[in-house]
Protein backbone atom coordinates (compact mmCIF):
# COMPACT_ATOMS: atom_id res chain seq x y z
CA MET A 1 6.12 7.12 5.77
CA VAL A 2 8.41 6.41 2.74
CA LYS A 3 6.34 4.71 0.07
CA GLU A 4 9.52 2.73 -0.70
CA ASN A 5 9.72 1.72 2.81
CA ILE A 6 6.22 0.27 2.88
CA GLU A 7 7.03 -1.65 -0.58
CA ASP A 8 9.43 -3.66 1.72
CA LEU A 9 6.65 -4.52 4.03
CA PRO A 10 4.25 -7.35 3.41
CA THR A 11 1.42 -5.03 4.11
CA THR A 12 2.07 -3.23 0.45
CA LYS A 13 -0.21 -5.51 -1.02
CA PHE A 14 -2.88 -4.89 1.55
CA SER A 15 -2.19 -1.07 1.58
CA LYS A 16 -2.51 -1.11 -2.33
CA ARG A 17 -5.54 -2.91 -2.47
CA VAL A 18 -7.15 -0.07 0.18
CA HIS A 19 -6.02 2.50 -1.85
CA GLU A 20 -7.21 1.12 -5.09
CA LEU A 21 -10.63 0.71 -3.16
CA VAL A 22 -10.60 4.34 -2.06
CA ASP A 23 -9.59 5.50 -5.28
CA GLN A 24 -12.66 3.86 -6.75
């Protein structure tokens, strides 16, 4: 999946949050 594509989706916020949690 292309990041640019996900950015257009409303799930981006959720995905970003999950990534942040996983990063921590």
